[in-house]
Every structure is written in C-alpha cells, then in structure tokens.
Amino acid sequence: MLKGNFKGYVVLSIAFILGLLLRLYKIDNPVADWHSWRQADTSSVSRTYVSEGINLLYPRYHDISSTQTGKFNPEGLRFVELPLYNAVQATLSFSLPAISLEVWGRLVSIFSALISGLALFFIGRKFLGSTGGILAVFFYLVLPFNVYFTRVILPEPMATMFAVTSLWAFILFIDSKNNWKLYVSGVLLALGILVKPFVIFYTLPMMYLLIQKFGVRSIFNKAKLLIPLLIFMDIILIPFISWRAWINNYPEGIPHFLWAFNGDGIRFRPSFWRWIFGERIGHLILGGWGLVPLAFGILKRKKDSYFNIFLFLGCFIFIATIATANVRHDYYQTLIIPSIALLLAQGTLIMWESESFNKWVSRGLLFFSLGIGILTSALQVKEFYKVNHPEIIMAGLAVDSLTPKDALVVAPYNGDSAFLYQTKRWGWPHVDRSIAELIENGADYYVSVNYDAQTREFMSKFESVVENQSYVILDLHKAK
C-alpha cells in the first residue's frame, strides 16, 4: 500500500500529529465528564502530592470515608496502584504551575499514548511490514474510544505504554538474544504491573515468541537461556509482591477489589458476551462495521506468525478473568486496544491485497466498514466529553471560597467523589454513618446539589451558609 521510506514516515508523522490534536479536544474540561469519579480519585492523589510533597509509599487522597474500603480512613490512604502516574503529574505541575494539575494529568496520558503508538509501529512493522505498522498506529491513535480514554486522568494509558514498550523490548531480545534487552523488557513490564497488575496478560504473546524461537525443551535444558529468563521473572514479580506486602499493612486504604473478578457471577453468561463483544468491542470501540476488517485480521495471518492472535488471546483472558470490572467499566478495555489496532491493521492489509474477492468490492467494503465504524463510534464517544452536572462545579467553587481550607466536608453524590474533588476539601462523598458520627469524626460542612429527603432533613437541623436553586451548604456546627 505504501512504498518508500519517505512517504511512509510522512504518513506516520501525520498519524501522530492527528492523534495528538484529537486528544487536545476539551483538554481543559473540569473533572466532571465520563468516569469523573475514577478520574477524581486519581487526580486527588496528585493534588495531595502537590500540596504535601511526593511520597510513593504513602499515596493519599481526599476521600476519608469507608465507602471504598469498608473501613474509616481518616488519613485518606489510597493504595490501588503504585502512584507513578501521580508522581509524574505532580512533578510537572510543580515545574510549570501555569498549566493546571488536571491538564497535566491529561497530558501525561496523551504522551503515554503517543509512546505506545511508537512502540506499536515497531511491533506492527515486525509482523505486518511497514505499512502494517503505520496502519496499527493509525488505528490506535484515531479510534474514538481510545482517543477519549488516552486523554483521561487515569493510570491506564501509562500502564498500556509500559506493556507495549515491554513487548517491543522482548521482541528485540528474541531477535538478538541480547539479555540486556530482556531485562529492559522486564523492568518496563514490572513498572506496568505496578501501575496496573492486569498487564501481566501481555506475557502470553511473549511466551509464544519464546517457544516459537527456542522450543520448550531448549528453554529448560540450556542454562544460558533459563537463567536470564528466571532473572526476567524476578524483575517482574519481586517489585509487585513487595508492593502488595507493603500495602497490606494499611487495609483501610485498600479499596474492595475481589468483586472485579466475578463478583456478580457474570463471567461467560449471555450478558457477558453481549456487553463485551456486542456493546463494547463491537459497538462502542468498532462502531459495528469495524468488525469486518477485525474478522479478516483474526481469520488470516501475515508473515507466518500467530503473534497478533496470541496478543488478542491474552487480552481475552484478561477480560474473562477480570469479568465483572470489564463489564461494569468500559475504561478497563483501554488495555486491549493495542491488540485490536494490530488486528485491524492485519485485516486491512488482507482486504486490500485480497485475490480471493473482486479487488474493488473488497477495497470498497474496507473503506465503508472503517468509515462507518469510526463515525458510529465517534457519535457515541462524543457524549463522554459532556459535563452533565455543572452544578457540582459551582457548588465546589462556593465551598472553596466560603469555608476554611482545613474544613472537612460531606459532599454526597451517590458515592461519586467527583463532587468532593470540586470542593478541594477532604471529607466524605457519601453519608456512610449518622450525621452525629460524621460530626464527631470532624465533619464541618454539608454540601448538596440534590434536595432529596436526606438534604431536607439536614436543612431542618443546621443553618445554611448559602442556599439557592442549584446547591445548599450547611454549617454542621450551627444547629437550628
């Protein structure tokens, strides 16, 4: 399809520029768009680092409730992933405070995506040729789903970056038998696992490449190969095991996580297939018609390699293992997009070069499928950018201007911490106990954007600091 290095690099550069520009759309959005609760939790750790200094071993955020961990968390400990993402976000905010913390968070994700795209180009070029590598980058950077979820304030884009670059370094090891490249791959994968343990599933295509190159018997019989592989495993596992051992000392800071595997029993039930392959991959990510080139990419291989299939299989095992979380939260699928991009690139090449079908019909179907697929996906994803409840931003500004900086605030929003984040105060995103107990634990103010029964009850008991049609702020130390 593309011939000549110069033309290829021009097209590759255009893909990266387009990928960057698409992700700058609404980059200054308040943290109140799609999945704002998870973005708020992430950015809250970074905000604490900015105000109190960076300490990777003690990540803290503004939610001190028992909502996420089941235990009162007065220090606001937040032990989910090793906060590398937050450390980078906070460091950049220190360096150039003229850009907001939230914009820096999104920029970290954007540049992580661009680095992932570069590594994906090299992987695609290895298994699909130069044109295949460029196509893989194009799909990775342009798919509307991935555009949105690689400009959010979440650690997933960084974890994906570590996973894909680790995979590329491992491929270099396979080609060169240079152990240092193997160790670099291990370090990158270890960092990815510390950020998001789920990237461990990227080891499946690594195992395929290893067995294809050396064979099972040689791996275990040759000490010159086995010992470096054991070191590689130690590099990957020891940091993660050490981190898990450390955080187990602080159970009040570890959110519930066992539900993510199969907490509601949805794995492999009809609704699992519908949501993952029908709604998410089929409709949201590929816009329906994108399944056509994806199917060709799965059915037929290029360059006598099953690498793309094993990467896709690893992603499927990840989805099946973390079944409930993948069904409930679409941002989990950020990790599978590199595999989908490679399969789309492979399918595109096959449809373009096919001699089994009429050339013009095949190519026409290809353009139609990709065009309608991207358009359909974009029409859905554009809703993610909307701020549907601007009142939480107005109420947050009011709290920030009318209350002391060290005040503890109750900001109920169905357990969603995005509202609490807007107040720039520590406190509770949910009334997790009686109001008397909250006051005893230090609560100073109650703010609500919903005049429900609970809010009206509290309004009858406490004096208002401000009250209007959008929100109310109550002083919990001034009873009526």
Protein backbone atom coordinates (compact mmCIF):
# COMPACT_ATOMS: atom_id res chain seq x y z
CA MET A 1 0.00 0.00 0.00
CA LEU A 2 2.73 2.48 0.97
CA LYS A 3 6.10 2.33 -0.73
CA GLY A 4 9.20 4.32 0.02
CA ASN A 5 10.59 5.27 3.40
CA PHE A 6 9.98 8.98 2.94
CA LYS A 7 6.28 8.59 2.14
CA GLY A 8 5.89 6.14 5.00
CA TYR A 9 7.46 8.49 7.53
CA VAL A 10 5.32 11.38 6.30
CA VAL A 11 2.16 9.32 6.77
CA LEU A 12 3.41 8.12 10.18
CA SER A 13 4.08 11.72 11.24
CA ILE A 14 0.60 12.75 10.12
CA ALA A 15 -0.89 9.92 12.20
CA PHE A 16 0.96 11.11 15.31
CA ILE A 17 0.04 14.76 14.76
CA LEU A 18 -3.59 13.79 14.22
CA GLY A 19 -3.53 11.60 17.31
CA LEU A 20 -2.15 14.48 19.37
CA LEU A 21 -4.63 17.04 18.05
CA LEU A 22 -7.64 14.77 18.62
CA ARG A 23 -6.63 14.32 22.25
CA LEU A 24 -6.31 18.05 22.86
CA TYR A 25 -10.07 18.44 22.34
CA LYS A 26 -11.58 19.74 25.60
CA ILE A 27 -8.34 19.04 27.42
CA ASP A 28 -9.28 21.70 29.96
CA ASN A 29 -12.59 20.05 30.83
CA PRO A 30 -13.36 20.02 34.55
CA VAL A 31 -13.16 16.60 36.18
CA ALA A 32 -16.88 16.09 35.72
CA ASP A 33 -17.11 14.25 32.41
CA TRP A 34 -17.37 10.48 31.83
CA HIS A 35 -15.90 8.36 34.63
CA SER A 36 -15.24 11.52 36.60
CA TRP A 37 -15.37 9.55 39.87
CA ARG A 38 -12.32 7.48 38.92
CA GLN A 39 -10.51 10.47 37.43
CA ALA A 40 -11.21 12.48 40.58
CA ASP A 41 -9.76 9.74 42.80
CA THR A 42 -6.61 9.65 40.65
CA SER A 43 -6.14 13.40 40.42
CA SER A 44 -6.84 13.76 44.13
CA VAL A 45 -3.69 11.77 44.93
CA SER A 46 -1.71 14.07 42.64
CA ARG A 47 -3.24 17.16 44.23
CA THR A 48 -2.13 15.89 47.64
CA TYR A 49 1.38 15.35 46.28
CA VAL A 50 1.44 18.94 45.03
CA SER A 51 0.44 20.34 48.42
CA GLU A 52 2.32 17.95 50.71
CA GLY A 53 5.17 16.51 48.64
CA ILE A 54 5.60 13.26 46.73
CA ASN A 55 5.81 10.03 48.72
CA LEU A 56 5.31 6.92 46.60
CA LEU A 57 4.84 4.74 49.66
CA TYR A 58 2.00 6.84 51.13
CA PRO A 59 -0.42 7.93 48.40
CA ARG A 60 -3.30 9.88 49.93
CA TYR A 61 -6.48 11.40 48.56
CA HIS A 62 -9.37 13.47 49.82
CA ASP A 63 -11.90 10.70 50.49
CA ILE A 64 -11.68 9.69 54.16
CA SER A 65 -14.93 7.73 54.19
CA SER A 66 -15.43 3.98 54.45
CA THR A 67 -17.19 3.88 51.08
CA GLN A 68 -14.41 2.27 49.05
CA THR A 69 -12.63 0.17 51.65
CA GLY A 70 -15.28 -0.64 54.23
CA LYS A 71 -13.10 0.97 56.93
CA PHE A 72 -12.91 4.54 58.19
CA ASN A 73 -9.87 6.06 56.50
CA PRO A 74 -9.01 9.27 58.38
CA GLU A 75 -5.63 9.65 56.63
CA GLY A 76 -7.18 9.27 53.17
CA LEU A 77 -4.77 6.48 52.22
CA ARG A 78 -5.16 5.34 48.62
CA PHE A 79 -3.44 2.03 47.92
CA VAL A 80 -4.57 0.92 44.48
CA GLU A 81 -1.64 1.14 42.08
CA LEU A 82 1.89 2.36 42.75
CA PRO A 83 1.36 6.10 42.14
CA LEU A 84 3.93 6.57 39.36
CA TYR A 85 1.35 8.35 37.24
CA ASN A 86 0.54 10.71 40.10
CA ALA A 87 4.21 11.42 40.78
CA VAL A 88 4.75 12.42 37.14
CA GLN A 89 1.59 14.54 37.10
CA ALA A 90 2.53 16.33 40.32
CA THR A 91 6.15 16.86 39.24
CA LEU A 92 5.02 18.50 36.00
CA SER A 93 2.58 20.66 37.95
CA PHE A 94 5.44 21.75 40.24
CA SER A 95 7.60 22.57 37.22
CA LEU A 96 5.02 24.57 35.28
CA PRO A 97 2.14 25.61 37.55
CA ALA A 98 0.71 27.91 34.87
CA ILE A 99 -0.86 24.74 33.44
CA SER A 100 -3.48 23.25 35.75
CA LEU A 101 -2.95 19.96 37.53
CA GLU A 102 -5.85 18.43 35.61
CA VAL A 103 -4.46 19.43 32.22
CA TRP A 104 -1.08 18.00 33.20
CA GLY A 105 -2.81 14.74 34.12
CA ARG A 106 -4.37 14.53 30.69
CA LEU A 107 -1.09 15.44 29.00
CA VAL A 108 0.66 12.58 30.82
CA SER A 109 -1.94 10.20 29.41
CA ILE A 110 -1.65 11.72 25.93
CA PHE A 111 2.12 11.38 25.76
CA SER A 112 1.85 7.85 27.15
CA ALA A 113 -0.48 7.07 24.25
CA LEU A 114 1.94 8.56 21.72
CA ILE A 115 4.80 6.45 23.08
CA SER A 116 2.53 3.39 22.93
CA GLY A 117 1.79 4.27 19.33
CA LEU A 118 5.51 4.44 18.50
CA ALA A 119 6.17 1.02 20.07
CA LEU A 120 3.13 -0.34 18.26
CA PHE A 121 4.57 0.87 14.96
CA PHE A 122 7.74 -1.15 15.51
CA ILE A 123 5.73 -4.21 16.55
CA GLY A 124 3.43 -3.85 13.56
CA ARG A 125 6.38 -3.36 11.21
CA LYS A 126 7.95 -6.55 12.57
CA PHE A 127 4.90 -8.74 11.94
CA LEU A 128 2.97 -6.88 9.24
CA GLY A 129 5.56 -4.85 7.37
CA SER A 130 5.99 -1.06 7.32
CA THR A 131 2.50 -0.38 6.02
CA GLY A 132 1.02 -2.65 8.68
CA GLY A 133 2.94 -0.78 11.37
CA ILE A 134 1.65 2.58 10.15
CA LEU A 135 -1.90 1.23 9.99
CA ALA A 136 -1.62 -0.11 13.55
CA VAL A 137 -0.51 3.33 14.77
CA PHE A 138 -3.32 4.99 12.84
CA PHE A 139 -6.00 2.78 14.36
CA TYR A 140 -4.54 3.06 17.85
CA LEU A 141 -4.40 6.85 17.71
CA VAL A 142 -7.64 7.51 15.84
CA LEU A 143 -10.21 5.05 17.21
CA PRO A 144 -12.61 7.43 19.05
CA PHE A 145 -12.88 5.16 22.09
CA ASN A 146 -9.11 5.19 22.53
CA VAL A 147 -8.88 8.91 21.83
CA TYR A 148 -11.07 9.60 24.85
CA PHE A 149 -9.58 7.01 27.18
CA THR A 150 -6.00 8.06 26.48
CA ARG A 151 -6.67 11.69 27.43
CA VAL A 152 -8.29 11.00 30.80
CA ILE A 153 -6.75 11.38 34.25
CA LEU A 154 -6.29 7.65 34.76
CA PRO A 155 -3.25 5.36 35.03
CA GLU A 156 -4.45 3.00 32.25
CA PRO A 157 -2.68 4.85 29.37
CA MET A 158 0.61 4.76 31.29
CA ALA A 159 0.18 1.07 32.11
CA THR A 160 -0.54 0.35 28.44
CA MET A 161 2.59 2.29 27.47
CA PHE A 162 4.74 0.16 29.77
CA ALA A 163 3.11 -3.04 28.49
CA VAL A 164 3.55 -2.26 24.79
CA THR A 165 7.12 -0.97 25.15
CA SER A 166 7.97 -4.05 27.23
CA LEU A 167 6.56 -6.23 24.46
CA TRP A 168 8.69 -4.43 21.89
CA ALA A 169 11.84 -4.84 24.02
CA PHE A 170 11.07 -8.53 24.39
CA ILE A 171 10.78 -8.87 20.60
CA LEU A 172 14.21 -7.23 20.29
CA PHE A 173 15.55 -9.82 22.74
CA ILE A 174 14.07 -12.66 20.69
CA ASP A 175 15.69 -11.29 17.54
CA SER A 176 19.09 -10.51 19.04
CA LYS A 177 19.38 -12.89 22.05
CA ASN A 178 20.76 -9.89 23.94
CA ASN A 179 19.95 -10.46 27.61
CA TRP A 180 20.03 -6.75 28.44
CA LYS A 181 17.05 -6.22 26.15
CA LEU A 182 15.29 -8.98 28.06
CA TYR A 183 16.00 -7.20 31.35
CA VAL A 184 14.82 -3.87 29.94
CA SER A 185 11.60 -5.63 28.93
CA GLY A 186 11.31 -6.97 32.48
CA VAL A 187 11.78 -3.53 34.05
CA LEU A 188 9.15 -1.99 31.76
CA LEU A 189 6.70 -4.81 32.43
CA ALA A 190 7.37 -4.57 36.18
CA LEU A 191 6.50 -0.87 36.07
CA GLY A 192 3.35 -1.65 34.08
CA ILE A 193 2.28 -4.28 36.61
CA LEU A 194 2.89 -1.88 39.48
CA VAL A 195 0.67 0.67 37.75
CA LYS A 196 -1.95 -1.88 36.64
CA PRO A 197 -1.43 -5.57 37.52
CA PHE A 198 -3.62 -6.60 34.58
CA VAL A 199 -0.82 -6.00 32.07
CA ILE A 200 0.59 -9.37 33.22
CA PHE A 201 -1.58 -10.84 30.47
CA TYR A 202 0.80 -9.32 27.91
CA THR A 203 3.18 -12.14 28.81
CA LEU A 204 1.12 -14.62 26.74
CA PRO A 205 2.45 -13.36 23.36
CA MET A 206 5.90 -13.24 24.97
CA MET A 207 5.63 -16.92 25.83
CA TYR A 208 4.50 -17.66 22.28
CA LEU A 209 7.53 -15.88 20.82
CA LEU A 210 9.87 -17.61 23.27
CA ILE A 211 8.58 -21.10 22.46
CA GLN A 212 8.47 -20.38 18.74
CA LYS A 213 12.10 -19.23 18.77
CA PHE A 214 13.72 -21.72 21.15
CA GLY A 215 11.27 -24.56 21.77
CA VAL A 216 10.13 -25.77 25.19
CA ARG A 217 12.98 -28.25 25.63
CA SER A 218 15.73 -25.71 24.96
CA ILE A 219 14.25 -23.24 27.45
CA PHE A 220 14.61 -25.70 30.32
CA ASN A 221 17.75 -27.50 29.17
CA LYS A 222 20.01 -24.55 28.38
CA ALA A 223 21.25 -22.68 31.45
CA LYS A 224 22.38 -19.74 29.27
CA LEU A 225 18.73 -19.21 28.37
CA LEU A 226 16.96 -20.38 31.53
CA ILE A 227 18.94 -18.24 33.99
CA PRO A 228 18.24 -14.92 32.19
CA LEU A 229 14.56 -15.90 31.95
CA LEU A 230 14.45 -16.57 35.70
CA ILE A 231 16.06 -13.16 36.32
CA PHE A 232 13.45 -11.67 33.98
CA MET A 233 10.68 -13.26 36.09
CA ASP A 234 12.26 -11.96 39.30
CA ILE A 235 12.44 -8.44 37.87
CA ILE A 236 8.72 -8.64 37.10
CA LEU A 237 7.41 -10.29 40.24
CA ILE A 238 9.56 -9.08 43.15
CA PRO A 239 8.54 -5.38 42.95
CA PHE A 240 4.84 -6.28 42.72
CA ILE A 241 4.99 -8.78 45.59
CA SER A 242 6.89 -6.23 47.70
CA TRP A 243 4.30 -3.54 46.94
CA ARG A 244 1.40 -5.85 47.85
CA ALA A 245 3.15 -6.84 51.09
CA TRP A 246 3.64 -3.17 51.94
CA ILE A 247 0.07 -2.03 51.33
CA ASN A 248 -1.37 -4.94 53.30
CA ASN A 249 -0.22 -3.02 56.38
CA TYR A 250 -2.90 -0.42 55.62
CA PRO A 251 -6.21 -2.23 54.96
CA GLU A 252 -8.17 1.00 55.44
CA GLY A 253 -6.51 2.31 52.27
CA ILE A 254 -7.15 -0.71 50.01
CA PRO A 255 -10.46 -0.48 48.13
CA HIS A 256 -12.56 -3.61 47.70
CA PHE A 257 -11.23 -5.46 44.65
CA LEU A 258 -12.40 -9.10 44.74
CA TRP A 259 -15.68 -8.02 43.15
CA ALA A 260 -13.74 -7.17 39.96
CA PHE A 261 -13.03 -10.80 39.08
CA ASN A 262 -16.54 -12.24 39.01
CA GLY A 263 -18.35 -10.60 41.89
CA ASP A 264 -21.76 -10.78 40.28
CA GLY A 265 -21.27 -14.14 38.55
CA ILE A 266 -21.47 -12.60 35.07
CA ARG A 267 -18.47 -14.40 33.55
CA PHE A 268 -19.43 -16.28 30.37
CA ARG A 269 -23.11 -15.69 30.92
CA PRO A 270 -25.08 -14.36 27.90
CA SER A 271 -24.90 -10.82 29.26
CA PHE A 272 -21.09 -11.08 29.46
CA TRP A 273 -20.83 -11.81 25.73
CA ARG A 274 -23.38 -9.16 24.92
CA TRP A 275 -21.66 -6.40 26.89
CA ILE A 276 -18.04 -7.21 26.00
CA PHE A 277 -18.30 -8.29 22.38
CA GLY A 278 -21.62 -6.75 21.40
CA GLU A 279 -21.73 -3.39 23.16
CA ARG A 280 -18.07 -2.61 23.89
CA ILE A 281 -15.81 -4.14 21.26
CA GLY A 282 -18.49 -4.45 18.58
CA HIS A 283 -20.47 -1.24 19.01
CA LEU A 284 -18.53 1.27 21.13
CA ILE A 285 -14.95 0.58 20.01
CA LEU A 286 -15.50 -0.61 16.42
CA GLY A 287 -18.82 1.04 15.63
CA GLY A 288 -20.31 -2.22 14.38
CA TRP A 289 -18.83 -2.19 10.88
CA GLY A 290 -15.25 -2.23 12.16
CA LEU A 291 -15.82 -5.89 12.96
CA VAL A 292 -15.38 -6.67 9.24
CA PRO A 293 -11.62 -5.89 9.00
CA LEU A 294 -11.14 -7.22 12.55
CA ALA A 295 -12.62 -10.57 11.50
CA PHE A 296 -10.28 -10.74 8.49
CA GLY A 297 -7.38 -9.93 10.81
CA ILE A 298 -8.30 -12.82 13.10
CA LEU A 299 -9.01 -15.36 10.37
CA LYS A 300 -5.91 -14.89 8.25
CA ARG A 301 -2.35 -14.23 9.35
CA LYS A 302 0.56 -12.39 7.78
CA LYS A 303 4.22 -13.39 7.68
CA ASP A 304 3.58 -16.88 9.06
CA SER A 305 3.08 -15.63 12.62
CA TYR A 306 0.37 -16.05 15.24
CA PHE A 307 1.72 -13.21 17.37
CA ASN A 308 -1.36 -10.98 16.91
CA ILE A 309 -3.67 -13.87 17.75
CA PHE A 310 -1.80 -14.66 20.97
CA LEU A 311 -1.84 -10.99 21.97
CA PHE A 312 -5.60 -10.93 21.36
CA LEU A 313 -5.97 -14.19 23.29
CA GLY A 314 -4.07 -12.65 26.22
CA CYS A 315 -6.45 -9.71 26.14
CA PHE A 316 -9.45 -12.04 26.10
CA ILE A 317 -8.08 -13.96 29.11
CA PHE A 318 -7.72 -10.60 30.89
CA ILE A 319 -11.34 -9.72 30.13
CA ALA A 320 -12.57 -13.15 31.20
CA THR A 321 -10.52 -13.10 34.40
CA ILE A 322 -11.50 -9.56 35.43
CA ALA A 323 -15.02 -10.16 34.16
CA THR A 324 -17.20 -8.01 36.39
CA ALA A 325 -14.97 -4.93 36.21
CA ASN A 326 -14.71 -5.19 32.43
CA VAL A 327 -18.48 -5.39 32.08
CA ARG A 328 -19.20 -2.55 34.50
CA HIS A 329 -16.43 -0.14 33.45
CA ASP A 330 -15.55 0.50 29.83
CA TYR A 331 -12.21 2.14 30.64
CA TYR A 332 -10.82 -1.30 31.52
CA GLN A 333 -10.80 -2.06 27.79
CA THR A 334 -8.08 0.56 27.27
CA LEU A 335 -5.56 -2.28 27.73
CA ILE A 336 -6.89 -4.32 24.81
CA ILE A 337 -6.77 -1.54 22.18
CA PRO A 338 -3.18 -2.29 21.01
CA SER A 339 -4.30 -5.81 20.12
CA ILE A 340 -7.39 -4.53 18.30
CA ALA A 341 -5.27 -1.98 16.40
CA LEU A 342 -2.87 -4.70 15.20
CA LEU A 343 -5.72 -6.97 14.11
CA LEU A 344 -7.42 -4.11 12.29
CA ALA A 345 -4.14 -3.36 10.52
CA GLN A 346 -3.77 -7.01 9.59
CA GLY A 347 -7.36 -7.23 8.37
CA THR A 348 -6.98 -4.03 6.36
CA LEU A 349 -3.92 -5.37 4.55
CA ILE A 350 -5.65 -8.65 3.80
CA MET A 351 -8.78 -6.98 2.43
CA TRP A 352 -6.69 -4.55 0.36
CA GLU A 353 -4.44 -7.23 -1.11
CA SER A 354 -7.07 -10.00 -1.38
CA GLU A 355 -7.07 -12.07 -4.55
CA SER A 356 -9.96 -14.25 -3.39
CA PHE A 357 -12.53 -11.50 -3.95
CA ASN A 358 -13.14 -8.78 -6.51
CA LYS A 359 -10.46 -6.18 -5.75
CA TRP A 360 -12.75 -3.16 -5.99
CA VAL A 361 -15.56 -4.73 -3.99
CA SER A 362 -13.13 -5.79 -1.26
CA ARG A 363 -11.49 -2.38 -1.05
CA GLY A 364 -14.84 -0.60 -1.23
CA LEU A 365 -16.13 -2.71 1.64
CA LEU A 366 -12.96 -1.94 3.58
CA PHE A 367 -13.35 1.84 3.26
CA PHE A 368 -17.07 1.66 4.00
CA SER A 369 -16.54 -0.54 7.08
CA LEU A 370 -13.80 1.64 8.54
CA GLY A 371 -15.56 4.91 7.75
CA ILE A 372 -18.94 3.93 9.15
CA GLY A 373 -17.32 2.17 12.10
CA ILE A 374 -15.29 5.21 13.16
CA LEU A 375 -18.26 7.54 12.60
CA THR A 376 -20.64 5.36 14.63
CA SER A 377 -18.12 5.03 17.43
CA ALA A 378 -17.44 8.79 17.43
CA LEU A 379 -21.15 9.59 17.77
CA GLN A 380 -21.22 7.55 20.97
CA VAL A 381 -17.91 8.68 22.41
CA LYS A 382 -18.68 12.38 21.96
CA GLU A 383 -21.17 12.04 24.82
CA PHE A 384 -18.27 11.18 27.15
CA TYR A 385 -16.93 14.75 26.95
CA LYS A 386 -20.11 16.33 28.25
CA VAL A 387 -20.31 17.80 31.73
CA ASN A 388 -23.85 16.77 32.62
CA HIS A 389 -23.89 18.23 36.13
CA PRO A 390 -22.19 21.65 36.13
CA GLU A 391 -23.85 22.38 39.47
CA ILE A 392 -21.21 20.31 41.27
CA ILE A 393 -18.57 22.67 39.88
CA MET A 394 -20.49 25.77 41.04
CA ALA A 395 -21.10 24.24 44.47
CA GLY A 396 -17.44 23.24 44.71
CA LEU A 397 -16.29 26.78 43.96
CA ALA A 398 -18.66 28.08 46.63
CA VAL A 399 -17.32 25.67 49.24
CA ASP A 400 -13.76 26.60 48.34
CA SER A 401 -14.45 30.32 48.73
CA LEU A 402 -16.70 30.19 51.82
CA THR A 403 -15.09 27.57 54.06
CA PRO A 404 -11.68 27.26 55.73
CA LYS A 405 -9.05 25.34 53.79
CA ASP A 406 -8.79 22.71 56.51
CA ALA A 407 -12.54 22.14 56.78
CA LEU A 408 -13.87 18.60 56.38
CA VAL A 409 -16.83 18.44 54.02
CA VAL A 410 -19.64 15.98 53.39
CA ALA A 411 -20.46 16.11 49.66
CA PRO A 412 -22.86 13.24 48.89
CA TYR A 413 -23.12 12.40 45.21
CA ASN A 414 -24.14 8.74 45.15
CA GLY A 415 -20.69 7.80 46.44
CA ASP A 416 -19.06 9.57 43.48
CA SER A 417 -16.02 11.51 44.69
CA ALA A 418 -16.07 13.91 41.72
CA PHE A 419 -18.21 16.34 43.74
CA LEU A 420 -15.90 16.20 46.75
CA TYR A 421 -12.95 16.79 44.40
CA GLN A 422 -14.55 20.04 43.19
CA THR A 423 -14.66 21.40 46.75
CA LYS A 424 -10.86 20.99 47.16
CA ARG A 425 -11.54 19.70 50.66
CA TRP A 426 -11.06 16.42 52.46
CA GLY A 427 -14.17 14.62 53.56
CA TRP A 428 -16.93 12.21 52.61
CA PRO A 429 -18.52 11.60 49.18
CA HIS A 430 -21.28 9.66 50.88
CA VAL A 431 -23.11 9.74 54.20
CA ASP A 432 -21.75 6.43 55.42
CA ARG A 433 -22.95 6.80 59.02
CA SER A 434 -25.20 9.05 61.08
CA ILE A 435 -24.69 12.78 60.82
CA ALA A 436 -23.80 12.86 64.52
CA GLU A 437 -20.99 10.36 63.95
CA LEU A 438 -19.73 12.34 60.97
CA ILE A 439 -19.59 15.49 63.08
CA GLU A 440 -17.82 13.54 65.82
CA ASN A 441 -15.26 12.41 63.21
CA GLY A 442 -14.62 16.03 62.23
CA ALA A 443 -17.19 16.92 59.56
CA ASP A 444 -17.66 20.71 59.39
CA TYR A 445 -19.93 21.34 56.39
CA TYR A 446 -22.52 19.53 54.34
CA VAL A 447 -22.98 20.47 50.69
CA SER A 448 -25.58 19.06 48.33
CA VAL A 449 -26.79 19.65 44.78
CA ASN A 450 -29.77 17.41 45.31
CA TYR A 451 -32.66 18.49 47.50
CA ASP A 452 -33.57 14.95 48.44
CA ALA A 453 -35.12 13.74 51.70
CA GLN A 454 -31.74 13.49 53.42
CA THR A 455 -30.75 17.04 52.46
CA ARG A 456 -34.10 18.45 53.56
CA GLU A 457 -33.73 16.65 56.88
CA PHE A 458 -30.31 18.19 57.46
CA MET A 459 -31.58 21.62 56.36
CA SER A 460 -34.13 21.41 59.15
CA LYS A 461 -31.35 20.77 61.69
CA PHE A 462 -28.47 23.02 60.60
CA GLU A 463 -28.08 26.61 59.46
CA SER A 464 -27.36 27.36 55.82
CA VAL A 465 -24.19 29.11 54.73
CA VAL A 466 -25.69 29.56 51.28
CA GLU A 467 -28.84 28.20 49.69
CA ASN A 468 -30.05 28.56 46.11
CA GLN A 469 -31.80 26.51 43.47
CA SER A 470 -28.58 24.70 42.48
CA TYR A 471 -26.99 23.80 45.81
CA VAL A 472 -27.01 24.26 49.57
CA ILE A 473 -24.13 24.47 52.04
CA LEU A 474 -24.86 23.74 55.71
CA ASP A 475 -22.70 24.56 58.72
CA LEU A 476 -22.75 21.38 60.81
CA HIS A 477 -21.60 23.27 63.89
CA LYS A 478 -24.62 25.57 63.90
CA ALA A 479 -27.75 23.72 64.86
CA LYS A 480 -31.13 25.37 64.41
